[in-house]
Amino acid sequence: MSGGDAAGRLVRPFALTGGRTRPDRTDFTLITTVTAVDPPPTWGARPQPEHTRILRLCARPIAVAEVAAHLDLPVSVVAIMLCDLLQAERITIHPPHPVSNTPDLDLLQKVRDGLGRL
């Protein structure tokens, strides 16, 4: 990779986010799922190509980490772009289901029995 390529790669996320370094919301975790709104409302501003790619990826529920991997962009950049799409009412978000602090004794018993049979 030449010096120009490396510099271009560093500038690109900055340009995608309009210079923002943090998302407006904190509820975009790695495992938050996002889904495109169907039918999409009209968007006043012309979306960036990456916004369009995100919307295509979100035709079915997909995790934030998967979106970042498909776009080959840092999760922090994708979270900022997802905030834009959420604000424009182009996506919905689904937080991960809370994990119970109470252990599932039936599941633990099945695991123990399975390990005992090994």
PDB file of N, CA and C in Angstrom:
ATOM      1  N   MET A   1       0.845  -1.172   0.000  1.00  0.00           N
ATOM      2  CA  MET A   1       0.000   0.000   0.000  1.00  0.00           C
ATOM      3  C   MET A   1       0.886   1.228   0.000  1.00  0.00           C
ATOM      4  N   SER A   2       0.663   2.132  -0.928  1.00  0.00           N
ATOM      5  CA  SER A   2       1.474   3.338  -0.995  1.00  0.00           C
ATOM      6  C   SER A   2       1.024   4.338   0.053  1.00  0.00           C
ATOM      7  N   GLY A   3       1.835   5.348   0.302  1.00  0.00           N
ATOM      8  CA  GLY A   3       1.514   6.362   1.294  1.00  0.00           C
ATOM      9  C   GLY A   3       0.205   7.066   1.003  1.00  0.00           C
ATOM     10  N   GLY A   4      -0.093   7.309  -0.265  1.00  0.00           N
ATOM     11  CA  GLY A   4      -1.346   7.964  -0.645  1.00  0.00           C
ATOM     12  C   GLY A   4      -2.555   7.111  -0.319  1.00  0.00           C
ATOM     13  N   ASP A   5      -2.440   5.777  -0.518  1.00  0.00           N
ATOM     14  CA  ASP A   5      -3.541   4.885  -0.203  1.00  0.00           C
ATOM     15  C   ASP A   5      -3.846   4.881   1.284  1.00  0.00           C
ATOM     16  N   ALA A   6      -2.810   4.853   2.108  1.00  0.00           N
ATOM     17  CA  ALA A   6      -3.005   4.841   3.556  1.00  0.00           C
ATOM     18  C   ALA A   6      -3.661   6.134   4.012  1.00  0.00           C
ATOM     19  N   ALA A   7      -3.223   7.260   3.462  1.00  0.00           N
ATOM     20  CA  ALA A   7      -3.816   8.540   3.849  1.00  0.00           C
ATOM     21  C   ALA A   7      -5.269   8.604   3.413  1.00  0.00           C
ATOM     22  N   GLY A   8      -5.586   8.087   2.230  1.00  0.00           N
ATOM     23  CA  GLY A   8      -6.965   8.083   1.754  1.00  0.00           C
ATOM     24  C   GLY A   8      -7.857   7.238   2.634  1.00  0.00           C
ATOM     25  N   ARG A   9      -7.345   6.122   3.101  1.00  0.00           N
ATOM     26  CA  ARG A   9      -8.113   5.221   3.969  1.00  0.00           C
ATOM     27  C   ARG A   9      -8.404   5.896   5.302  1.00  0.00           C
ATOM     28  N   LEU A  10      -7.469   6.715   5.804  1.00  0.00           N
ATOM     29  CA  LEU A  10      -7.689   7.405   7.069  1.00  0.00           C
ATOM     30  C   LEU A  10      -8.686   8.548   6.932  1.00  0.00           C
ATOM     31  N   VAL A  11      -8.710   9.198   5.810  1.00  0.00           N
ATOM     32  CA  VAL A  11      -9.604  10.337   5.608  1.00  0.00           C
ATOM     33  C   VAL A  11     -11.024   9.866   5.335  1.00  0.00           C
ATOM     34  N   ARG A  12     -11.188   8.756   4.685  1.00  0.00           N
ATOM     35  CA  ARG A  12     -12.501   8.292   4.261  1.00  0.00           C
ATOM     36  C   ARG A  12     -13.510   8.184   5.407  1.00  0.00           C
ATOM     37  N   PRO A  13     -13.236   7.492   6.509  1.00  0.00           N
ATOM     38  CA  PRO A  13     -14.226   7.446   7.594  1.00  0.00           C
ATOM     39  C   PRO A  13     -14.576   8.835   8.119  1.00  0.00           C
ATOM     40  N   PHE A  14     -13.598   9.714   8.190  1.00  0.00           N
ATOM     41  CA  PHE A  14     -13.841  11.083   8.639  1.00  0.00           C
ATOM     42  C   PHE A  14     -14.845  11.763   7.704  1.00  0.00           C
ATOM     43  N   ALA A  15     -14.684  11.548   6.411  1.00  0.00           N
ATOM     44  CA  ALA A  15     -15.591  12.149   5.435  1.00  0.00           C
ATOM     45  C   ALA A  15     -16.982  11.521   5.512  1.00  0.00           C
ATOM     46  N   LEU A  16     -17.056  10.213   5.748  1.00  0.00           N
ATOM     47  CA  LEU A  16     -18.344   9.523   5.830  1.00  0.00           C
ATOM     48  C   LEU A  16     -19.193  10.024   6.994  1.00  0.00           C
ATOM     49  N   THR A  17     -18.532  10.410   8.062  1.00  0.00           N
ATOM     50  CA  THR A  17     -19.267  10.820   9.264  1.00  0.00           C
ATOM     51  C   THR A  17     -19.414  12.325   9.378  1.00  0.00           C
ATOM     52  N   GLY A  18     -18.945  13.051   8.402  1.00  0.00           N
ATOM     53  CA  GLY A  18     -19.017  14.504   8.475  1.00  0.00           C
ATOM     54  C   GLY A  18     -18.161  15.055   9.597  1.00  0.00           C
ATOM     55  N   GLY A  19     -17.093  14.349   9.925  1.00  0.00           N
ATOM     56  CA  GLY A  19     -16.181  14.799  10.965  1.00  0.00           C
ATOM     57  C   GLY A  19     -16.576  14.371  12.367  1.00  0.00           C
ATOM     58  N   ARG A  20     -17.722  13.724  12.505  1.00  0.00           N
ATOM     59  CA  ARG A  20     -18.150  13.275  13.836  1.00  0.00           C
ATOM     60  C   ARG A  20     -17.336  12.058  14.262  1.00  0.00           C
ATOM     61  N   THR A  21     -17.008  11.998  15.530  1.00  0.00           N
ATOM     62  CA  THR A  21     -16.206  10.882  16.028  1.00  0.00           C
ATOM     63  C   THR A  21     -16.984   9.969  16.965  1.00  0.00           C
ATOM     64  N   ARG A  22     -18.168  10.389  17.366  1.00  0.00           N
ATOM     65  CA  ARG A  22     -18.998   9.574  18.261  1.00  0.00           C
ATOM     66  C   ARG A  22     -20.445   9.579  17.769  1.00  0.00           C
ATOM     67  N   PRO A  23     -21.131   8.433  17.917  1.00  0.00           N
ATOM     68  CA  PRO A  23     -22.550   8.410  17.546  1.00  0.00           C
ATOM     69  C   PRO A  23     -23.371   9.246  18.525  1.00  0.00           C
ATOM     70  N   ASP A  24     -24.517   9.717  18.055  1.00  0.00           N
ATOM     71  CA  ASP A  24     -25.413  10.507  18.902  1.00  0.00           C
ATOM     72  C   ASP A  24     -26.097   9.653  19.958  1.00  0.00           C
ATOM     73  N   ARG A  25     -26.141   8.362  19.738  1.00  0.00           N
ATOM     74  CA  ARG A  25     -26.829   7.438  20.645  1.00  0.00           C
ATOM     75  C   ARG A  25     -25.835   6.394  21.153  1.00  0.00           C
ATOM     76  N   THR A  26     -26.168   5.834  22.295  1.00  0.00           N
ATOM     77  CA  THR A  26     -25.289   4.813  22.871  1.00  0.00           C
ATOM     78  C   THR A  26     -25.890   3.412  22.771  1.00  0.00           C
ATOM     79  N   ASP A  27     -27.040   3.274  22.134  1.00  0.00           N
ATOM     80  CA  ASP A  27     -27.691   1.965  22.097  1.00  0.00           C
ATOM     81  C   ASP A  27     -27.304   1.109  20.893  1.00  0.00           C
ATOM     82  N   PHE A  28     -26.313   1.522  20.127  1.00  0.00           N
ATOM     83  CA  PHE A  28     -25.804   0.703  19.031  1.00  0.00           C
ATOM     84  C   PHE A  28     -24.628  -0.126  19.536  1.00  0.00           C
ATOM     85  N   THR A  29     -24.925  -1.303  20.079  1.00  0.00           N
ATOM     86  CA  THR A  29     -23.876  -2.214  20.508  1.00  0.00           C
ATOM     87  C   THR A  29     -23.509  -3.113  19.330  1.00  0.00           C
ATOM     88  N   LEU A  30     -22.506  -3.925  19.503  1.00  0.00           N
ATOM     89  CA  LEU A  30     -22.101  -4.842  18.441  1.00  0.00           C
ATOM     90  C   LEU A  30     -23.214  -5.802  18.050  1.00  0.00           C
ATOM     91  N   ILE A  31     -24.069  -6.172  19.014  1.00  0.00           N
ATOM     92  CA  ILE A  31     -25.096  -7.168  18.730  1.00  0.00           C
ATOM     93  C   ILE A  31     -26.492  -6.581  18.590  1.00  0.00           C
ATOM     94  N   THR A  32     -26.605  -5.251  18.581  1.00  0.00           N
ATOM     95  CA  THR A  32     -27.889  -4.627  18.277  1.00  0.00           C
ATOM     96  C   THR A  32     -28.227  -4.961  16.832  1.00  0.00           C
ATOM     97  N   THR A  33     -29.468  -5.371  16.578  1.00  0.00           N
ATOM     98  CA  THR A  33     -29.862  -5.651  15.202  1.00  0.00           C
ATOM     99  C   THR A  33     -30.597  -4.446  14.627  1.00  0.00           C
ATOM    100  N   VAL A  34     -30.386  -4.238  13.356  1.00  0.00           N
ATOM    101  CA  VAL A  34     -31.024  -3.134  12.642  1.00  0.00           C
ATOM    102  C   VAL A  34     -31.761  -3.699  11.436  1.00  0.00           C
ATOM    103  N   THR A  35     -32.876  -3.054  11.107  1.00  0.00           N
ATOM    104  CA  THR A  35     -33.696  -3.474   9.975  1.00  0.00           C
ATOM    105  C   THR A  35     -34.137  -2.237   9.214  1.00  0.00           C
ATOM    106  N   ALA A  36     -34.064  -2.293   7.893  1.00  0.00           N
ATOM    107  CA  ALA A  36     -34.524  -1.175   7.068  1.00  0.00           C
ATOM    108  C   ALA A  36     -36.040  -1.070   7.158  1.00  0.00           C
ATOM    109  N   VAL A  37     -36.525   0.158   7.145  1.00  0.00           N
ATOM    110  CA  VAL A  37     -37.957   0.412   7.168  1.00  0.00           C
ATOM    111  C   VAL A  37     -38.506   0.160   5.773  1.00  0.00           C
ATOM    112  N   ASP A  38     -39.620  -0.555   5.720  1.00  0.00           N
ATOM    113  CA  ASP A  38     -40.226  -0.868   4.435  1.00  0.00           C
ATOM    114  C   ASP A  38     -41.693  -0.481   4.478  1.00  0.00           C
ATOM    115  N   PRO A  39     -42.189   0.374   3.622  1.00  0.00           N
ATOM    116  CA  PRO A  39     -41.471   1.095   2.584  1.00  0.00           C
ATOM    117  C   PRO A  39     -40.705   2.262   3.176  1.00  0.00           C
ATOM    118  N   PRO A  40     -39.573   2.595   2.580  1.00  0.00           N
ATOM    119  CA  PRO A  40     -38.776   3.686   3.149  1.00  0.00           C
ATOM    120  C   PRO A  40     -39.449   5.036   2.955  1.00  0.00           C
ATOM    121  N   PRO A  41     -39.397   5.891   3.986  1.00  0.00           N
ATOM    122  CA  PRO A  41     -39.893   7.250   3.805  1.00  0.00           C
ATOM    123  C   PRO A  41     -38.927   8.028   2.911  1.00  0.00           C
ATOM    124  N   THR A  42     -39.387   9.142   2.413  1.00  0.00           N
ATOM    125  CA  THR A  42     -38.492   9.946   1.584  1.00  0.00           C
ATOM    126  C   THR A  42     -37.428  10.573   2.462  1.00  0.00           C
ATOM    127  N   TRP A  43     -36.241  10.667   1.918  1.00  0.00           N
ATOM    128  CA  TRP A  43     -35.119  11.230   2.650  1.00  0.00           C
ATOM    129  C   TRP A  43     -34.798  12.559   2.004  1.00  0.00           C
ATOM    130  N   GLY A  44     -34.856  13.643   2.780  1.00  0.00           N
ATOM    131  CA  GLY A  44     -34.644  14.981   2.250  1.00  0.00           C
ATOM    132  C   GLY A  44     -33.311  15.129   1.539  1.00  0.00           C
ATOM    133  N   ALA A  45     -32.241  14.734   2.181  1.00  0.00           N
ATOM    134  CA  ALA A  45     -30.898  14.861   1.604  1.00  0.00           C
ATOM    135  C   ALA A  45     -30.583  13.612   0.782  1.00  0.00           C
ATOM    136  N   ARG A  46     -29.688  13.770  -0.160  1.00  0.00           N
ATOM    137  CA  ARG A  46     -29.253  12.628  -0.965  1.00  0.00           C
ATOM    138  C   ARG A  46     -28.353  11.754  -0.101  1.00  0.00           C
ATOM    139  N   PRO A  47     -28.703  10.477   0.044  1.00  0.00           N
ATOM    140  CA  PRO A  47     -27.875   9.609   0.898  1.00  0.00           C
ATOM    141  C   PRO A  47     -26.523   9.324   0.263  1.00  0.00           C
ATOM    142  N   GLN A  48     -25.549   9.083   1.123  1.00  0.00           N
ATOM    143  CA  GLN A  48     -24.238   8.664   0.644  1.00  0.00           C
ATOM    144  C   GLN A  48     -24.358   7.225   0.138  1.00  0.00           C
ATOM    145  N   PRO A  49     -23.484   6.810  -0.760  1.00  0.00           N
ATOM    146  CA  PRO A  49     -23.542   5.423  -1.247  1.00  0.00           C
ATOM    147  C   PRO A  49     -23.470   4.402  -0.107  1.00  0.00           C
ATOM    148  N   GLU A  50     -22.706   4.708   0.933  1.00  0.00           N
ATOM    149  CA  GLU A  50     -22.594   3.781   2.062  1.00  0.00           C
ATOM    150  C   GLU A  50     -23.917   3.650   2.800  1.00  0.00           C
ATOM    151  N   HIS A  51     -24.693   4.754   2.894  1.00  0.00           N
ATOM    152  CA  HIS A  51     -26.021   4.673   3.509  1.00  0.00           C
ATOM    153  C   HIS A  51     -26.901   3.712   2.705  1.00  0.00           C
ATOM    154  N   THR A  52     -26.830   3.814   1.399  1.00  0.00           N
ATOM    155  CA  THR A  52     -27.612   2.934   0.530  1.00  0.00           C
ATOM    156  C   THR A  52     -27.186   1.485   0.713  1.00  0.00           C
ATOM    157  N   ARG A  53     -25.886   1.245   0.816  1.00  0.00           N
ATOM    158  CA  ARG A  53     -25.386  -0.124   1.042  1.00  0.00           C
ATOM    159  C   ARG A  53     -25.870  -0.660   2.385  1.00  0.00           C
ATOM    160  N   ILE A  54     -25.863   0.199   3.409  1.00  0.00           N
ATOM    161  CA  ILE A  54     -26.352  -0.228   4.719  1.00  0.00           C
ATOM    162  C   ILE A  54     -27.820  -0.622   4.626  1.00  0.00           C
ATOM    163  N   LEU A  55     -28.613   0.188   3.948  1.00  0.00           N
ATOM    164  CA  LEU A  55     -30.043  -0.116   3.825  1.00  0.00           C
ATOM    165  C   LEU A  55     -30.274  -1.439   3.103  1.00  0.00           C
ATOM    166  N   ARG A  56     -29.460  -1.721   2.086  1.00  0.00           N
ATOM    167  CA  ARG A  56     -29.586  -3.011   1.399  1.00  0.00           C
ATOM    168  C   ARG A  56     -29.236  -4.166   2.346  1.00  0.00           C
ATOM    169  N   LEU A  57     -28.186  -3.981   3.126  1.00  0.00           N
ATOM    170  CA  LEU A  57     -27.798  -5.024   4.076  1.00  0.00           C
ATOM    171  C   LEU A  57     -28.874  -5.246   5.132  1.00  0.00           C
ATOM    172  N   CYS A  58     -29.593  -4.182   5.460  1.00  0.00           N
ATOM    173  CA  CYS A  58     -30.595  -4.239   6.530  1.00  0.00           C
ATOM    174  C   CYS A  58     -31.975  -4.652   6.031  1.00  0.00           C
ATOM    175  N   ALA A  59     -32.064  -5.188   4.817  1.00  0.00           N
ATOM    176  CA  ALA A  59     -33.353  -5.668   4.322  1.00  0.00           C
ATOM    177  C   ALA A  59     -33.907  -6.734   5.266  1.00  0.00           C
ATOM    178  N   ARG A  60     -33.021  -7.480   5.873  1.00  0.00           N
ATOM    179  CA  ARG A  60     -33.362  -8.444   6.923  1.00  0.00           C
ATOM    180  C   ARG A  60     -32.604  -8.011   8.166  1.00  0.00           C
ATOM    181  N   PRO A  61     -33.088  -8.363   9.349  1.00  0.00           N
ATOM    182  CA  PRO A  61     -32.363  -7.963  10.571  1.00  0.00           C
ATOM    183  C   PRO A  61     -30.910  -8.419  10.525  1.00  0.00           C
ATOM    184  N   ILE A  62     -30.016  -7.505  10.884  1.00  0.00           N
ATOM    185  CA  ILE A  62     -28.585  -7.784  10.854  1.00  0.00           C
ATOM    186  C   ILE A  62     -27.925  -7.045  12.020  1.00  0.00           C
ATOM    187  N   ALA A  63     -26.917  -7.661  12.602  1.00  0.00           N
ATOM    188  CA  ALA A  63     -26.209  -7.059  13.738  1.00  0.00           C
ATOM    189  C   ALA A  63     -25.289  -5.944  13.252  1.00  0.00           C
ATOM    190  N   VAL A  64     -25.088  -4.962  14.100  1.00  0.00           N
ATOM    191  CA  VAL A  64     -24.211  -3.833  13.797  1.00  0.00           C
ATOM    192  C   VAL A  64     -22.820  -4.331  13.409  1.00  0.00           C
ATOM    193  N   ALA A  65     -22.292  -5.304  14.126  1.00  0.00           N
ATOM    194  CA  ALA A  65     -20.959  -5.837  13.822  1.00  0.00           C
ATOM    195  C   ALA A  65     -20.908  -6.441  12.418  1.00  0.00           C
ATOM    196  N   GLU A  66     -21.991  -7.090  11.997  1.00  0.00           N
ATOM    197  CA  GLU A  66     -22.028  -7.673  10.652  1.00  0.00           C
ATOM    198  C   GLU A  66     -22.053  -6.591   9.577  1.00  0.00           C
ATOM    199  N   VAL A  67     -22.798  -5.519   9.832  1.00  0.00           N
ATOM    200  CA  VAL A  67     -22.837  -4.406   8.884  1.00  0.00           C
ATOM    201  C   VAL A  67     -21.425  -3.850   8.704  1.00  0.00           C
ATOM    202  N   ALA A  68     -20.739  -3.627   9.821  1.00  0.00           N
ATOM    203  CA  ALA A  68     -19.372  -3.094   9.764  1.00  0.00           C
ATOM    204  C   ALA A  68     -18.454  -4.039   8.997  1.00  0.00           C
ATOM    205  N   ALA A  69     -18.600  -5.333   9.220  1.00  0.00           N
ATOM    206  CA  ALA A  69     -17.752  -6.304   8.529  1.00  0.00           C
ATOM    207  C   ALA A  69     -18.025  -6.300   7.025  1.00  0.00           C
ATOM    208  N   HIS A  70     -19.294  -6.250   6.634  1.00  0.00           N
ATOM    209  CA  HIS A  70     -19.633  -6.232   5.203  1.00  0.00           C
ATOM    210  C   HIS A  70     -19.114  -4.969   4.515  1.00  0.00           C
ATOM    211  N   LEU A  71     -19.139  -3.852   5.223  1.00  0.00           N
ATOM    212  CA  LEU A  71     -18.694  -2.589   4.637  1.00  0.00           C
ATOM    213  C   LEU A  71     -17.195  -2.368   4.785  1.00  0.00           C
ATOM    214  N   ASP A  72     -16.535  -3.213   5.587  1.00  0.00           N
ATOM    215  CA  ASP A  72     -15.109  -3.065   5.877  1.00  0.00           C
ATOM    216  C   ASP A  72     -14.824  -1.674   6.453  1.00  0.00           C
ATOM    217  N   LEU A  73     -15.662  -1.289   7.414  1.00  0.00           N
ATOM    218  CA  LEU A  73     -15.517  -0.011   8.102  1.00  0.00           C
ATOM    219  C   LEU A  73     -15.484  -0.246   9.604  1.00  0.00           C
ATOM    220  N   PRO A  74     -14.864   0.654  10.355  1.00  0.00           N
ATOM    221  CA  PRO A  74     -14.884   0.513  11.815  1.00  0.00           C
ATOM    222  C   PRO A  74     -16.320   0.589  12.352  1.00  0.00           C
ATOM    223  N   VAL A  75     -16.581  -0.158  13.407  1.00  0.00           N
ATOM    224  CA  VAL A  75     -17.915  -0.170  14.012  1.00  0.00           C
ATOM    225  C   VAL A  75     -18.323   1.236  14.433  1.00  0.00           C
ATOM    226  N   SER A  76     -17.383   2.030  14.918  1.00  0.00           N
ATOM    227  CA  SER A  76     -17.715   3.387  15.360  1.00  0.00           C
ATOM    228  C   SER A  76     -18.243   4.235  14.198  1.00  0.00           C
ATOM    229  N   VAL A  77     -17.689   4.066  13.022  1.00  0.00           N
ATOM    230  CA  VAL A  77     -18.149   4.804  11.844  1.00  0.00           C
ATOM    231  C   VAL A  77     -19.539   4.317  11.443  1.00  0.00           C
ATOM    232  N   VAL A  78     -19.728   3.018  11.446  1.00  0.00           N
ATOM    233  CA  VAL A  78     -21.029   2.448  11.086  1.00  0.00           C
ATOM    234  C   VAL A  78     -22.095   2.899  12.080  1.00  0.00           C
ATOM    235  N   ALA A  79     -21.766   2.958  13.366  1.00  0.00           N
ATOM    236  CA  ALA A  79     -22.737   3.397  14.369  1.00  0.00           C
ATOM    237  C   ALA A  79     -23.171   4.839  14.105  1.00  0.00           C
ATOM    238  N   ILE A  80     -22.250   5.684  13.704  1.00  0.00           N
ATOM    239  CA  ILE A  80     -22.600   7.079  13.389  1.00  0.00           C
ATOM    240  C   ILE A  80     -23.531   7.118  12.178  1.00  0.00           C
ATOM    241  N   MET A  81     -23.228   6.325  11.175  1.00  0.00           N
ATOM    242  CA  MET A  81     -24.063   6.299   9.978  1.00  0.00           C
ATOM    243  C   MET A  81     -25.437   5.708  10.278  1.00  0.00           C
ATOM    244  N   LEU A  82     -25.484   4.710  11.176  1.00  0.00           N
ATOM    245  CA  LEU A  82     -26.767   4.144  11.579  1.00  0.00           C
ATOM    246  C   LEU A  82     -27.603   5.172  12.341  1.00  0.00           C
ATOM    247  N   CYS A  83     -26.947   6.014  13.123  1.00  0.00           N
ATOM    248  CA  CYS A  83     -27.666   7.104  13.811  1.00  0.00           C
ATOM    249  C   CYS A  83     -28.331   8.020  12.786  1.00  0.00           C
ATOM    250  N   ASP A  84     -27.610   8.323  11.708  1.00  0.00           N
ATOM    251  CA  ASP A  84     -28.183   9.147  10.642  1.00  0.00           C
ATOM    252  C   ASP A  84     -29.427   8.483  10.062  1.00  0.00           C
ATOM    253  N   LEU A  85     -29.328   7.189   9.782  1.00  0.00           N
ATOM    254  CA  LEU A  85     -30.448   6.456   9.193  1.00  0.00           C
ATOM    255  C   LEU A  85     -31.621   6.349  10.162  1.00  0.00           C
ATOM    256  N   LEU A  86     -31.325   6.180  11.448  1.00  0.00           N
ATOM    257  CA  LEU A  86     -32.387   6.117  12.444  1.00  0.00           C
ATOM    258  C   LEU A  86     -33.087   7.468  12.563  1.00  0.00           C
ATOM    259  N   GLN A  87     -32.315   8.533  12.566  1.00  0.00           N
ATOM    260  CA  GLN A  87     -32.882   9.869  12.653  1.00  0.00           C
ATOM    261  C   GLN A  87     -33.760  10.173  11.430  1.00  0.00           C
ATOM    262  N   ALA A  88     -33.372   9.654  10.275  1.00  0.00           N
ATOM    263  CA  ALA A  88     -34.150   9.847   9.050  1.00  0.00           C
ATOM    264  C   ALA A  88     -35.304   8.850   8.954  1.00  0.00           C
ATOM    265  N   GLU A  89     -35.477   8.027   9.981  1.00  0.00           N
ATOM    266  CA  GLU A  89     -36.536   7.006  10.053  1.00  0.00           C
ATOM    267  C   GLU A  89     -36.432   5.985   8.928  1.00  0.00           C
ATOM    268  N   ARG A  90     -35.190   5.658   8.550  1.00  0.00           N
ATOM    269  CA  ARG A  90     -34.944   4.671   7.499  1.00  0.00           C
ATOM    270  C   ARG A  90     -34.686   3.275   8.047  1.00  0.00           C
ATOM    271  N   ILE A  91     -34.381   3.179   9.365  1.00  0.00           N
ATOM    272  CA  ILE A  91     -34.145   1.877   9.994  1.00  0.00           C
ATOM    273  C   ILE A  91     -34.853   1.837  11.345  1.00  0.00           C
ATOM    274  N   THR A  92     -35.023   0.622  11.833  1.00  0.00           N
ATOM    275  CA  THR A  92     -35.447   0.415  13.214  1.00  0.00           C
ATOM    276  C   THR A  92     -34.340  -0.373  13.899  1.00  0.00           C
ATOM    277  N   ILE A  93     -34.243  -0.210  15.212  1.00  0.00           N
ATOM    278  CA  ILE A  93     -33.220  -0.952  15.958  1.00  0.00           C
ATOM    279  C   ILE A  93     -33.894  -1.884  16.944  1.00  0.00           C
ATOM    280  N   HIS A  94     -33.224  -2.976  17.210  1.00  0.00           N
ATOM    281  CA  HIS A  94     -33.720  -3.977  18.138  1.00  0.00           C
ATOM    282  C   HIS A  94     -32.585  -4.324  19.096  1.00  0.00           C
ATOM    283  N   PRO A  95     -32.667  -3.816  20.330  1.00  0.00           N
ATOM    284  CA  PRO A  95     -31.589  -4.118  21.273  1.00  0.00           C
ATOM    285  C   PRO A  95     -31.549  -5.608  21.587  1.00  0.00           C
ATOM    286  N   PRO A  96     -30.402  -6.088  22.012  1.00  0.00           N
ATOM    287  CA  PRO A  96     -30.301  -7.510  22.363  1.00  0.00           C
ATOM    288  C   PRO A  96     -31.224  -7.825  23.535  1.00  0.00           C
ATOM    289  N   HIS A  97     -31.689  -9.056  23.561  1.00  0.00           N
ATOM    290  CA  HIS A  97     -32.531  -9.485  24.670  1.00  0.00           C
ATOM    291  C   HIS A  97     -31.692  -9.527  25.942  1.00  0.00           C
ATOM    292  N   PRO A  98     -32.243  -9.008  27.032  1.00  0.00           N
ATOM    293  CA  PRO A  98     -31.463  -9.035  28.277  1.00  0.00           C
ATOM    294  C   PRO A  98     -31.203 -10.469  28.729  1.00  0.00           C
ATOM    295  N   VAL A  99     -30.046 -10.671  29.266  1.00  0.00           N
ATOM    296  CA  VAL A  99     -29.659 -11.981  29.767  1.00  0.00           C
ATOM    297  C   VAL A  99     -30.038 -12.048  31.238  1.00  0.00           C
ATOM    298  N   SER A 100     -30.671 -13.112  31.596  1.00  0.00           N
ATOM    299  CA  SER A 100     -31.088 -13.300  32.985  1.00  0.00           C
ATOM    300  C   SER A 100     -29.871 -13.604  33.848  1.00  0.00           C
ATOM    301  N   ASN A 101     -29.857 -13.046  35.035  1.00  0.00           N
ATOM    302  CA  ASN A 101     -28.788 -13.342  35.981  1.00  0.00           C
ATOM    303  C   ASN A 101     -29.020 -14.665  36.699  1.00  0.00           C
ATOM    304  N   THR A 102     -30.209 -15.220  36.533  1.00  0.00           N
ATOM    305  CA  THR A 102     -30.542 -16.487  37.165  1.00  0.00           C
ATOM    306  C   THR A 102     -30.137 -17.619  36.226  1.00  0.00           C
ATOM    307  N   PRO A 103     -29.304 -18.534  36.689  1.00  0.00           N
ATOM    308  CA  PRO A 103     -28.885 -19.633  35.811  1.00  0.00           C
ATOM    309  C   PRO A 103     -30.063 -20.555  35.500  1.00  0.00           C
ATOM    310  N   ASP A 104     -30.079 -21.074  34.295  1.00  0.00           N
ATOM    311  CA  ASP A 104     -31.095 -22.029  33.874  1.00  0.00           C
ATOM    312  C   ASP A 104     -30.643 -23.408  34.365  1.00  0.00           C
ATOM    313  N   LEU A 105     -31.216 -23.835  35.467  1.00  0.00           N
ATOM    314  CA  LEU A 105     -30.779 -25.083  36.102  1.00  0.00           C
ATOM    315  C   LEU A 105     -31.018 -26.295  35.208  1.00  0.00           C
ATOM    316  N   ASP A 106     -32.101 -26.286  34.446  1.00  0.00           N
ATOM    317  CA  ASP A 106     -32.373 -27.398  33.541  1.00  0.00           C
ATOM    318  C   ASP A 106     -31.282 -27.499  32.481  1.00  0.00           C
ATOM    319  N   LEU A 107     -30.890 -26.357  31.922  1.00  0.00           N
ATOM    320  CA  LEU A 107     -29.831 -26.349  30.919  1.00  0.00           C
ATOM    321  C   LEU A 107     -28.506 -26.808  31.526  1.00  0.00           C
ATOM    322  N   LEU A 108     -28.192 -26.320  32.711  1.00  0.00           N
ATOM    323  CA  LEU A 108     -26.954 -26.740  33.372  1.00  0.00           C
ATOM    324  C   LEU A 108     -26.944 -28.238  33.635  1.00  0.00           C
ATOM    325  N   GLN A 109     -28.075 -28.803  34.013  1.00  0.00           N
ATOM    326  CA  GLN A 109     -28.175 -30.247  34.261  1.00  0.00           C
ATOM    327  C   GLN A 109     -27.932 -31.018  32.972  1.00  0.00           C
ATOM    328  N   LYS A 110     -28.507 -30.531  31.857  1.00  0.00           N
ATOM    329  CA  LYS A 110     -28.312 -31.203  30.572  1.00  0.00           C
ATOM    330  C   LYS A 110     -26.851 -31.143  30.138  1.00  0.00           C
ATOM    331  N   VAL A 111     -26.201 -29.998  30.366  1.00  0.00           N
ATOM    332  CA  VAL A 111     -24.780 -29.882  30.027  1.00  0.00           C
ATOM    333  C   VAL A 111     -23.956 -30.843  30.873  1.00  0.00           C
ATOM    334  N   ARG A 112     -24.256 -30.882  32.170  1.00  0.00           N
ATOM    335  CA  ARG A 112     -23.524 -31.798  33.070  1.00  0.00           C
ATOM    336  C   ARG A 112     -23.715 -33.251  32.648  1.00  0.00           C
ATOM    337  N   ASP A 113     -24.957 -33.619  32.305  1.00  0.00           N
ATOM    338  CA  ASP A 113     -25.237 -34.993  31.866  1.00  0.00           C
ATOM    339  C   ASP A 113     -24.492 -35.296  30.570  1.00  0.00           C
ATOM    340  N   GLY A 114     -24.482 -34.337  29.654  1.00  0.00           N
ATOM    341  CA  GLY A 114     -23.780 -34.539  28.387  1.00  0.00           C
ATOM    342  C   GLY A 114     -22.291 -34.703  28.597  1.00  0.00           C
ATOM    343  N   LEU A 115     -21.715 -33.893  29.471  1.00  0.00           N
ATOM    344  CA  LEU A 115     -20.279 -34.019  29.755  1.00  0.00           C
ATOM    345  C   LEU A 115     -19.978 -35.348  30.438  1.00  0.00           C
ATOM    346  N   GLY A 116     -20.894 -35.803  31.265  1.00  0.00           N
ATOM    347  CA  GLY A 116     -20.697 -37.096  31.948  1.00  0.00           C
ATOM    348  C   GLY A 116     -20.692 -38.265  30.974  1.00  0.00           C
ATOM    349  N   ARG A 117     -21.414 -38.113  29.869  1.00  0.00           N
ATOM    350  CA  ARG A 117     -21.460 -39.198  28.874  1.00  0.00           C
ATOM    351  C   ARG A 117     -20.224 -39.226  27.981  1.00  0.00           C
ATOM    352  N   LEU A 118     -19.399 -38.195  28.036  1.00  0.00           N
ATOM    353  CA  LEU A 118     -18.205 -38.154  27.177  1.00  0.00           C
ATOM    354  C   LEU A 118     -17.149 -39.098  27.609  1.00  0.00           C
TER     355      LEU A 118
END
